[in-house]
Each structure stands twice: as structure tokens, then as C-alpha cells.
Amino acid sequence: MIIPVTGVFAAVLGLLLLALSARVVKYRLKYRKGLGVTDDRDFEVAVRAHANLVEYAPLALLMLAIAELNGVASGLIYWLGMALVAGRILHAWGMIQGRGGPHLARMAGIVLTWLAILVTAILLFWNVWQVYG
């Protein structure tokens, strides 16, 4: 069985990961620093924006994939995937623009990410309850 809806969102988040990775590499080359960061706040922000995506995206995508495989309606998967992608883009953008400090886009991004994960978790529990209840 294939999971085309989740696949689209995985592809988009993969591109975002590459873009954020390129920012980290730029600073690593600039400072000749293979591990860790320097006192440059923008370098630290680049590393954390990248790391935050890596911390949230895999589990969220796995949850979406399981929901899609379990037969959750594709429309719901699309909306959750769009919320996840929008949240991750907003968070990264807000993190970079706010230089690691508070920023409306960063806050909106994490809220969208959390909501996507929460609603997907509820749907997964609901799906299992419907089948095995």
C-alpha cells in the first residue's frame, strides 16, 4: 500500500530540511567549525532552526503515514499535513527573523505543529478504538 498524501508532505519537509541545512553549512564553512557553534548568534540560530525541524518532523510524518495507512480520510491527512508544513516553515522563518528570540511566526509555527501532532494522535486513537473498541 502506498501513502501518497504523506509522501507529498515528506517531500516538502525534505526540501525545507535541505534549505536549513545549507544555512548551517554556510556558517560551518565561514567559521571552519565542524562541530558546535561560535559566538555568532545567527550561526546558533541556524543550527537550532535546523535541529528543531529534525526534532519534530520525523514523528509527525510517521504519525501521518500511520493514519493514512489506517484509512483516515485523505482530506484530514491533507489538512493536518498542511498545518504541519505551514507550522514548520513559520517556525523556521520566525526563528531566523527573530534571531532566536520571540517572534510571532515562530510562536504560530510551533502552535500549528503541536496542533497537527495532537489532532493526528487523537485520530490514531479514534481509529484504533473504531477497529478494536
Protein backbone atom coordinates (compact mmCIF):
# COMPACT_ATOMS: atom_id res chain seq x y z
CA MET A 1 0.00 0.00 0.00
CA ILE A 2 1.24 3.49 -0.80
CA ILE A 3 0.88 6.70 1.19
CA PRO A 4 0.85 9.43 -1.46
CA VAL A 5 -0.60 12.20 0.70
CA THR A 6 2.01 11.85 3.43
CA GLY A 7 4.62 11.44 0.70
CA VAL A 8 3.92 14.94 -0.61
CA PHE A 9 4.38 16.48 2.82
CA ALA A 10 7.53 14.43 3.44
CA ALA A 11 8.95 15.77 0.16
CA VAL A 12 8.17 19.38 1.07
CA LEU A 13 9.69 19.00 4.54
CA GLY A 14 12.70 17.31 2.95
CA LEU A 15 13.25 20.42 0.83
CA LEU A 16 12.90 22.63 3.91
CA LEU A 17 15.47 20.46 5.68
CA LEU A 18 17.90 20.91 2.79
CA ALA A 19 17.41 24.69 2.85
CA LEU A 20 18.00 24.86 6.60
CA SER A 21 20.99 22.51 6.27
CA ALA A 22 22.53 24.81 3.66
CA ARG A 23 22.32 27.72 6.14
CA VAL A 24 24.17 25.65 8.75
CA VAL A 25 26.83 24.59 6.23
CA LYS A 26 27.34 28.23 5.23
CA TYR A 27 28.25 29.11 8.82
CA ARG A 28 30.33 25.97 9.34
CA LEU A 29 32.41 26.87 6.29
CA LYS A 30 32.64 30.53 7.28
CA TYR A 31 33.99 29.70 10.74
CA ARG A 32 35.70 26.39 9.84
CA LYS A 33 33.73 24.79 12.64
CA GLY A 34 32.75 21.14 12.11
CA LEU A 35 31.03 20.71 15.46
CA GLY A 36 29.33 23.14 17.80
CA VAL A 37 28.88 26.84 17.18
CA THR A 38 30.73 30.10 17.74
CA ASP A 39 29.61 33.28 19.48
CA ASP A 40 27.79 34.28 16.27
CA ARG A 41 24.11 34.32 17.23
CA ASP A 42 23.00 33.79 13.63
CA PHE A 43 25.11 30.62 13.46
CA GLU A 44 23.48 29.29 16.63
CA VAL A 45 20.03 30.22 15.30
CA ALA A 46 20.73 28.40 12.02
CA VAL A 47 21.73 25.26 13.92
CA ARG A 48 18.66 25.40 16.18
CA ALA A 49 16.21 26.11 13.34
CA HIS A 50 17.57 23.04 11.55
CA ALA A 51 17.57 20.92 14.72
CA ASN A 52 14.03 21.90 15.64
CA LEU A 53 12.76 20.65 12.29
CA VAL A 54 14.65 17.39 12.81
CA GLU A 55 13.14 17.05 16.29
CA TYR A 56 9.52 17.43 15.19
CA ALA A 57 9.11 16.43 11.54
CA PRO A 58 10.01 12.70 11.68
CA LEU A 59 7.47 11.76 14.35
CA ALA A 60 4.77 13.98 12.86
CA LEU A 61 5.30 12.44 9.40
CA LEU A 62 5.32 8.93 10.85
CA MET A 63 2.04 9.64 12.61
CA LEU A 64 0.52 11.00 9.38
CA ALA A 65 1.72 7.94 7.48
CA ILE A 66 0.20 5.55 10.03
CA ALA A 67 -3.06 7.48 9.94
CA GLU A 68 -3.10 7.35 6.14
CA LEU A 69 -2.33 3.61 6.14
CA ASN A 70 -5.05 3.03 8.75
CA GLY A 71 -7.62 4.60 6.47
CA VAL A 72 -8.08 8.05 7.98
CA ALA A 73 -9.76 10.21 5.32
CA SER A 74 -7.29 11.76 2.88
CA GLY A 75 -8.87 15.17 3.38
CA LEU A 76 -7.97 15.08 7.06
CA ILE A 77 -4.44 13.93 6.25
CA TYR A 78 -4.12 16.84 3.78
CA TRP A 79 -5.27 19.42 6.34
CA LEU A 80 -3.01 18.03 9.04
CA GLY A 81 -0.08 17.86 6.63
CA MET A 82 -0.67 21.44 5.52
CA ALA A 83 -0.79 22.58 9.15
CA LEU A 84 2.43 20.69 9.86
CA VAL A 85 4.27 22.12 6.84
CA ALA A 86 2.98 25.65 7.45
CA GLY A 87 3.95 25.34 11.10
CA ARG A 88 7.45 24.16 10.31
CA ILE A 89 8.01 26.90 7.72
CA LEU A 90 6.65 29.59 10.04
CA HIS A 91 8.73 28.34 12.94
CA ALA A 92 11.96 28.28 10.92
CA TRP A 93 11.28 31.70 9.40
CA GLY A 94 10.36 33.21 12.77
CA MET A 95 13.40 31.66 14.41
CA ILE A 96 15.70 33.16 11.78
CA GLN A 97 13.97 36.56 11.59
CA GLY A 98 13.75 36.85 15.37
CA ARG A 99 17.38 35.71 15.73
CA GLY A 100 16.30 33.11 18.28
CA GLY A 101 14.17 35.48 20.31
CA PRO A 102 10.38 35.75 20.47
CA HIS A 103 8.75 36.18 17.07
CA LEU A 104 5.08 35.85 16.12
CA ALA A 105 5.83 33.49 13.22
CA ARG A 106 7.90 31.25 15.47
CA MET A 107 5.11 31.05 18.05
CA ALA A 108 2.42 30.47 15.41
CA GLY A 109 4.60 27.81 13.84
CA ILE A 110 5.04 25.78 16.99
CA VAL A 111 1.33 26.05 17.81
CA LEU A 112 0.42 24.75 14.33
CA THR A 113 2.95 21.94 14.69
CA TRP A 114 1.62 20.94 18.10
CA LEU A 115 -1.98 21.07 16.87
CA ALA A 116 -1.14 18.87 13.87
CA ILE A 117 0.54 16.32 16.15
CA LEU A 118 -2.26 16.46 18.74
CA VAL A 119 -5.09 16.05 16.23
CA THR A 120 -3.22 13.24 14.45
CA ALA A 121 -2.71 11.47 17.79
CA ILE A 122 -6.42 11.78 18.57
CA LEU A 123 -7.31 10.42 15.11
CA LEU A 124 -4.95 7.48 15.62
CA PHE A 125 -6.54 6.63 18.97
CA TRP A 126 -10.01 7.06 17.46
CA ASN A 127 -9.11 4.84 14.51
CA VAL A 128 -7.83 2.05 16.77
CA TRP A 129 -10.88 2.37 19.03
CA GLN A 130 -13.18 2.09 15.99
CA VAL A 131 -11.46 -1.09 14.85
CA TYR A 132 -10.84 -2.81 18.18
CA GLY A 133 -13.12 -0.83 20.53
